[in-house]
C-alpha atoms as a PDB file:
ATOM      1  CA  MET A   1       0.000   0.000   0.000  1.00  0.00           C
ATOM      2  CA  SER A   2       1.225   3.483  -0.815  1.00  0.00           C
ATOM      3  CA  ILE A   3       0.175   6.790   0.708  1.00  0.00           C
ATOM      4  CA  ALA A   4       1.297  10.271  -0.293  1.00  0.00           C
ATOM      5  CA  ILE A   5       2.894  12.976   1.816  1.00  0.00           C
ATOM      6  CA  LYS A   6       0.694  16.084   1.644  1.00  0.00           C
ATOM      7  CA  ARG A   7       1.267  19.717   2.573  1.00  0.00           C
ATOM      8  CA  TRP A   8      -0.767  20.929   5.611  1.00  0.00           C
ATOM      9  CA  GLY A   9      -0.051  24.625   6.149  1.00  0.00           C
ATOM     10  CA  ASN A  10       3.661  24.889   6.969  1.00  0.00           C
ATOM     11  CA  SER A  11       3.876  21.171   7.777  1.00  0.00           C
ATOM     12  CA  ASN A  12       3.722  17.875   5.948  1.00  0.00           C
ATOM     13  CA  GLY A  13       1.522  14.933   6.793  1.00  0.00           C
ATOM     14  CA  VAL A  14       0.038  11.646   5.712  1.00  0.00           C
ATOM     15  CA  ILE A  15      -3.470  10.281   6.048  1.00  0.00           C
ATOM     16  CA  ILE A  16      -3.442   6.906   7.771  1.00  0.00           C
ATOM     17  CA  PRO A  17      -6.230   4.615   6.556  1.00  0.00           C
ATOM     18  CA  ALA A  18      -8.628   3.367   9.257  1.00  0.00           C
ATOM     19  CA  HIS A  19      -7.699  -0.286   8.752  1.00  0.00           C
ATOM     20  CA  LEU A  20      -4.039   0.503   9.490  1.00  0.00           C
ATOM     21  CA  LEU A  21      -4.957   2.395  12.662  1.00  0.00           C
ATOM     22  CA  LYS A  22      -6.976  -0.615  13.755  1.00  0.00           C
ATOM     23  CA  GLN A  23      -4.017  -2.935  13.114  1.00  0.00           C
ATOM     24  CA  ILE A  24      -1.768  -0.933  15.456  1.00  0.00           C
ATOM     25  CA  GLY A  25      -4.522  -0.411  18.032  1.00  0.00           C
ATOM     26  CA  ALA A  26      -4.695   3.363  17.577  1.00  0.00           C
ATOM     27  CA  THR A  27      -7.721   5.645  17.501  1.00  0.00           C
ATOM     28  CA  VAL A  28      -8.397   9.054  15.971  1.00  0.00           C
ATOM     29  CA  GLY A  29      -6.976  11.783  18.228  1.00  0.00           C
ATOM     30  CA  GLN A  30      -4.578   9.446  20.029  1.00  0.00           C
ATOM     31  CA  GLU A  31      -0.944  10.519  20.271  1.00  0.00           C
ATOM     32  CA  LEU A  32       1.724   8.431  18.581  1.00  0.00           C
ATOM     33  CA  ASP A  33       5.432   8.082  19.286  1.00  0.00           C
ATOM     34  CA  VAL A  34       7.317   8.532  16.018  1.00  0.00           C
ATOM     35  CA  LYS A  35      10.726   6.939  15.506  1.00  0.00           C
ATOM     36  CA  VAL A  36      13.025   6.237  12.606  1.00  0.00           C
ATOM     37  CA  LYS A  37      14.496   2.740  12.644  1.00  0.00           C
ATOM     38  CA  ASP A  38      16.777   1.560   9.848  1.00  0.00           C
ATOM     39  CA  GLY A  39      15.427   4.268   7.546  1.00  0.00           C
ATOM     40  CA  THR A  40      11.803   3.322   8.279  1.00  0.00           C
ATOM     41  CA  LEU A  41       9.265   5.581   9.957  1.00  0.00           C
ATOM     42  CA  VAL A  42       7.729   3.728  12.922  1.00  0.00           C
ATOM     43  CA  LEU A  43       4.489   4.882  14.594  1.00  0.00           C
ATOM     44  CA  ILE A  44       3.727   3.527  18.063  1.00  0.00           C
ATOM     45  CA  PRO A  45       0.481   4.433  19.865  1.00  0.00           C
ATOM     46  CA  LYS A  46       1.111   6.110  23.220  1.00  0.00           C
ATOM     47  CA  THR A  47      -0.646   4.385  26.057  1.00  0.00           C
ATOM     48  CA  ARG A  48      -2.559   6.481  28.520  1.00  0.00           C
ATOM     49  CA  ALA A  49      -2.757   5.771  32.210  1.00  0.00           C
ATOM     50  CA  LYS A  50      -6.231   4.568  33.108  1.00  0.00           C
ATOM     51  CA  ARG A  51      -8.328   7.147  34.898  1.00  0.00           C
ATOM     52  CA  TYR A  52     -10.280   5.431  37.647  1.00  0.00           C
ATOM     53  CA  THR A  53     -13.628   6.550  39.019  1.00  0.00           C
ATOM     54  CA  LEU A  54     -14.099   6.798  42.769  1.00  0.00           C
ATOM     55  CA  ASP A  55     -16.310   3.696  42.659  1.00  0.00           C
ATOM     56  CA  GLU A  56     -13.581   1.716  40.869  1.00  0.00           C
ATOM     57  CA  LEU A  57     -11.007   2.772  43.466  1.00  0.00           C
ATOM     58  CA  LEU A  58     -13.285   1.934  46.376  1.00  0.00           C
ATOM     59  CA  GLN A  59     -13.979  -1.521  44.906  1.00  0.00           C
ATOM     60  CA  GLN A  60     -10.260  -2.233  45.310  1.00  0.00           C
ATOM     61  CA  CYS A  61     -10.344  -1.404  49.023  1.00  0.00           C
ATOM     62  CA  ASP A  62     -10.887  -3.987  51.729  1.00  0.00           C
ATOM     63  CA  PRO A  63     -13.015  -2.358  54.462  1.00  0.00           C
ATOM     64  CA  ASN A  64     -12.040  -5.211  56.810  1.00  0.00           C
ATOM     65  CA  ALA A  65      -8.304  -4.719  56.362  1.00  0.00           C
ATOM     66  CA  PRO A  66      -6.521  -4.028  59.646  1.00  0.00           C
ATOM     67  CA  LEU A  67      -5.541  -0.425  60.269  1.00  0.00           C
ATOM     68  CA  GLU A  68      -1.991   0.620  60.977  1.00  0.00           C
ATOM     69  CA  THR A  69      -1.445   1.524  64.643  1.00  0.00           C
ATOM     70  CA  GLU A  70      -1.109   5.205  63.807  1.00  0.00           C
ATOM     71  CA  GLU A  71      -4.417   5.146  61.925  1.00  0.00           C
ATOM     72  CA  SER A  72      -6.300   3.254  64.628  1.00  0.00           C
ATOM     73  CA  VAL A  73      -5.318   5.648  67.428  1.00  0.00           C
ATOM     74  CA  TRP A  74      -5.833   8.806  65.368  1.00  0.00           C
ATOM     75  CA  GLY A  75      -8.585  10.787  66.981  1.00  0.00           C
ATOM     76  CA  SER A  76      -9.147   8.260  69.778  1.00  0.00           C
ATOM     77  CA  ASN A  77      -7.582  10.533  72.396  1.00  0.00           C
ATOM     78  CA  GLN A  78      -8.976  13.766  70.976  1.00  0.00           C
ATOM     79  CA  THR A  79     -11.857  15.786  72.289  1.00  0.00           C
ATOM     80  CA  PRO A  80     -14.171  17.393  69.751  1.00  0.00           C
ATOM     81  CA  VAL A  81     -13.499  21.067  69.082  1.00  0.00           C
ATOM     82  CA  GLY A  82     -16.655  21.852  67.136  1.00  0.00           C
ATOM     83  CA  ARG A  83     -19.605  19.722  66.163  1.00  0.00           C
ATOM     84  CA  GLU A  84     -17.623  16.835  64.664  1.00  0.00           C
ATOM     85  CA  VAL A  85     -18.503  13.313  65.711  1.00  0.00           C
ATOM     86  CA  TRP A  86     -15.804  10.812  66.685  1.00  0.00           C
END
């Protein structure tokens, strides 16, 4: 398959067919790392760190896990200053 280099303003670019994007696991708008290896242009999709929701993070927590000593005594010897409940 051949594609042509085109002029885009002051830059040059190529249009990557959808089936090639699919083969490398890339999507429209995704950033790519570009390298030259042995005279060949190599495009590698950048991976993004997963953004977790609060629910997803809380699902990973064990509410029955033992607390560290510092955590278990925190607030136990404190008297309320305002209307907080201990």
